[in-house]
Protein backbone atom coordinates (compact mmCIF):
# COMPACT_ATOMS: atom_id res chain seq x y z
CA MET A 1 -0.07 0.09 -0.09
CA GLY A 2 1.49 3.46 -0.93
CA LYS A 3 1.42 6.53 0.50
CA SER A 4 -2.07 8.44 2.10
CA LYS A 5 -3.05 11.07 0.22
CA LEU A 6 -4.23 13.99 1.43
CA LEU A 7 -5.69 17.41 -0.85
CA PHE A 8 -5.92 20.67 1.04
CA ILE A 9 -8.21 23.15 -0.53
CA SER A 10 -8.14 26.99 0.65
CA HIS A 11 -8.50 30.56 -0.21
CA GLU A 12 -5.44 31.34 1.82
CA MET A 13 -2.15 30.24 2.86
CA SER A 14 1.15 31.53 4.12
CA PRO A 15 3.32 33.16 2.72
CA PHE A 16 1.32 33.33 -0.26
CA LEU A 17 -2.01 35.07 1.01
CA GLU A 18 -2.43 35.99 4.56
CA LEU A 19 -5.79 37.15 5.38
CA THR A 20 -6.85 35.18 8.84
CA LYS A 21 -5.25 32.17 11.22
CA ILE A 22 -6.43 30.11 8.27
CA SER A 23 -3.18 30.89 6.46
CA GLU A 24 -1.33 29.61 9.25
CA ILE A 25 -2.99 26.57 9.85
CA VAL A 26 -3.29 26.07 6.00
CA ARG A 27 0.79 25.85 6.00
CA GLN A 28 1.41 24.63 8.88
CA LEU A 29 -0.94 21.37 8.85
CA PRO A 30 -0.18 19.81 5.13
CA GLN A 31 3.60 20.20 6.13
CA ALA A 32 3.04 18.17 9.40
CA MET A 33 1.04 15.34 7.21
CA GLN A 34 3.93 15.38 5.01
CA ASP A 35 6.84 14.85 7.75
CA LYS A 36 4.22 12.00 8.43
CA GLY A 37 4.82 10.82 5.03
CA TYR A 38 1.44 11.75 3.51
CA GLU A 39 1.62 12.39 0.13
CA ILE A 40 0.48 16.21 0.05
CA ARG A 41 -1.78 18.64 -2.59
CA ILE A 42 -2.91 21.79 -1.49
CA LEU A 43 -5.20 24.04 -3.94
CA MET A 44 -5.71 27.81 -3.74
CA PRO A 45 -7.45 30.50 -5.48
CA ARG A 46 -3.98 32.52 -7.22
CA PHE A 47 -5.63 36.00 -6.51
CA GLY A 48 -4.44 39.46 -8.19
CA ASN A 49 -2.79 40.47 -4.93
CA ILE A 50 -0.58 37.36 -4.77
CA ASN A 51 2.90 38.47 -6.34
CA GLU A 52 3.54 35.71 -8.94
CA ARG A 53 7.24 37.23 -9.34
CA ARG A 54 8.04 37.07 -6.05
CA ASN A 55 6.39 33.22 -5.41
CA ARG A 56 7.95 31.84 -8.30
CA LEU A 57 4.75 31.12 -9.79
CA HIS A 58 4.55 29.64 -13.46
CA GLU A 59 1.91 27.75 -15.33
CA VAL A 60 1.00 23.93 -15.58
CA ILE A 61 0.58 23.85 -19.19
CA ARG A 62 -0.68 20.18 -19.48
CA LEU A 63 -3.60 20.98 -16.31
CA SER A 64 -4.24 24.27 -17.71
CA GLY A 65 -6.62 25.09 -20.62
CA MET A 66 -9.98 23.56 -19.05
CA ASN A 67 -13.46 25.71 -18.79
CA ILE A 68 -15.25 25.77 -16.03
CA ILE A 69 -19.16 26.45 -16.98
CA ILE A 70 -21.04 29.32 -14.77
CA ASN A 71 -24.43 30.07 -15.61
CA ASP A 72 -23.86 28.86 -19.08
CA ASN A 73 -20.84 31.03 -19.64
CA ASP A 74 -17.07 29.13 -20.34
CA ASN A 75 -14.75 30.58 -17.92
CA PRO A 76 -10.96 29.45 -18.51
CA LEU A 77 -9.03 27.50 -15.69
CA ILE A 78 -5.46 28.71 -15.60
CA ILE A 79 -3.10 26.37 -13.27
CA LYS A 80 -0.02 27.80 -11.93
CA VAL A 81 2.24 26.21 -9.39
CA ALA A 82 4.74 27.44 -6.67
CA SER A 83 6.58 25.36 -4.52
CA ILE A 84 7.23 26.15 -0.28
CA PRO A 85 11.45 24.99 -1.01
CA ALA A 86 11.73 24.83 2.91
CA ALA A 87 8.89 22.08 3.07
CA ARG A 88 9.29 20.23 -0.37
CA MET A 89 5.65 21.50 -1.02
CA GLN A 90 4.08 22.12 -3.84
CA VAL A 91 0.50 24.63 -4.23
CA TYR A 92 -1.38 24.96 -7.24
CA PHE A 93 -3.47 27.88 -7.68
CA LEU A 94 -6.36 28.42 -9.92
CA ASP A 95 -6.13 31.80 -12.14
CA ASN A 96 -9.19 33.16 -13.85
CA GLU A 97 -9.12 36.67 -15.20
CA GLU A 98 -12.54 37.57 -14.57
CA TYR A 99 -12.57 36.26 -11.32
CA PHE A 100 -9.28 36.57 -9.46
CA GLN A 101 -7.31 39.76 -11.21
CA ARG A 102 -8.26 41.73 -8.96
CA LYS A 103 -6.29 44.46 -5.79
CA HIS A 104 -8.73 43.11 -3.18
CA VAL A 105 -9.92 39.61 -2.32
CA PHE A 106 -13.23 39.67 -1.09
CA THR A 107 -14.16 42.94 -0.44
CA ASP A 108 -13.77 46.27 -3.26
CA LYS A 109 -11.39 49.67 -1.93
CA ASP A 110 -14.88 50.72 -0.13
CA GLY A 111 -15.42 47.43 1.92
CA LYS A 112 -18.53 45.76 0.18
CA PHE A 113 -18.38 42.46 -0.83
CA TYR A 114 -18.56 41.99 -4.75
CA ALA A 115 -21.66 40.69 -6.54
CA ASP A 116 -19.99 38.08 -7.55
CA ASN A 117 -18.69 36.44 -4.99
CA ASP A 118 -21.26 33.38 -5.05
CA GLU A 119 -19.60 32.63 -8.86
CA ARG A 120 -16.02 33.01 -7.07
CA MET A 121 -16.76 30.34 -5.27
CA ILE A 122 -18.63 28.03 -7.60
CA PHE A 123 -15.62 28.51 -9.99
CA PHE A 124 -12.81 28.00 -7.62
CA CYS A 125 -14.73 24.57 -6.14
CA LYS A 126 -15.48 22.98 -9.51
CA GLY A 127 -12.01 23.87 -10.89
CA ALA A 128 -10.64 22.39 -7.66
CA LEU A 129 -12.05 18.87 -8.37
CA GLU A 130 -11.51 19.35 -11.74
CA THR A 131 -7.54 19.79 -11.41
CA VAL A 132 -7.58 17.03 -9.13
CA LYS A 133 -9.35 14.63 -11.75
CA LYS A 134 -6.90 16.28 -14.39
CA LEU A 135 -3.67 15.40 -11.98
CA GLY A 136 -5.51 11.82 -12.05
CA TRP A 137 -4.69 11.92 -8.48
CA ALA A 138 -7.19 10.10 -5.73
CA PRO A 139 -7.00 11.62 -3.07
CA ASP A 140 -7.78 9.26 0.22
CA MET A 141 -8.85 12.73 2.63
CA ILE A 142 -9.76 16.20 1.13
CA HIS A 143 -9.85 18.82 3.93
CA CYS A 144 -11.69 21.86 2.96
CA HIS A 145 -10.45 25.24 4.73
CA GLY A 146 -13.15 28.13 4.87
CA TRP A 147 -16.06 29.65 3.16
CA MET A 148 -14.66 29.30 -0.29
CA SER A 149 -14.26 25.79 -0.21
CA ALA A 150 -17.65 24.40 1.05
CA LEU A 151 -19.26 23.75 -1.90
CA VAL A 152 -16.84 21.15 -2.51
CA PRO A 153 -18.42 18.43 -0.10
CA ALA A 154 -21.31 18.98 -1.72
CA TYR A 155 -20.29 18.73 -4.99
CA LEU A 156 -18.55 15.14 -4.23
CA LYS A 157 -21.92 14.16 -2.53
CA THR A 158 -24.38 14.91 -5.63
CA THR A 159 -22.23 16.05 -9.08
CA TYR A 160 -18.82 14.09 -8.37
CA LYS A 161 -20.60 11.14 -6.25
CA ASP A 162 -19.48 8.22 -9.17
CA ASP A 163 -16.26 9.79 -10.43
CA PRO A 164 -13.85 7.19 -9.68
CA THR A 165 -11.53 9.55 -8.93
CA PHE A 166 -12.86 11.04 -5.61
CA LYS A 167 -14.84 7.29 -4.78
CA ASN A 168 -12.75 6.81 -1.53
CA SER A 169 -12.16 10.06 -0.47
CA LYS A 170 -13.25 11.09 2.78
CA ILE A 171 -13.96 14.88 3.79
CA VAL A 172 -13.16 16.87 6.72
CA TYR A 173 -14.78 20.71 6.14
CA SER A 174 -13.02 23.04 9.00
CA ILE A 175 -14.81 26.53 9.61
CA TYR A 176 -13.19 29.24 11.49
CA GLU A 177 -14.13 32.18 13.39
CA ASN A 178 -13.65 35.31 12.10
CA ASP A 179 -13.44 33.47 8.32
CA VAL A 180 -13.47 36.55 5.54
């Protein structure tokens, strides 16, 4: 039997985006599990305030090129990756110009929530599951962090219930006080 495979899905992770305490949990927990011998994958949105050059993000051509349909609109999904060298961990970033290339994460400059945060959430959750399928990597456990990943468990129980990639996946959903 091989290593157990753990997938972490979150809207933030230190050092890339630090909004709440979730960012540090999502940074430390996967590393601790990897140190115990688990195989790890981490997925998060590539928000516009994440510096690609500083964080050495680069596109993964073999994973990019999918479209996620929301409200009958095809939305291109671009996958980028960066490493945390000290931890030997890779983080996959889901990117879309319309949904994620903004200066602020969830609110505009006046502090008002973006009207399309629901669509952004749908795009991220569907995109995360489609990325895992394209990786050909069947996770034993999927740990969702925060409100932006909240639809993943619902999709796994409905839309993806017969998908062999997720057939044996267990789901953990962590909700946090003061989650943005």
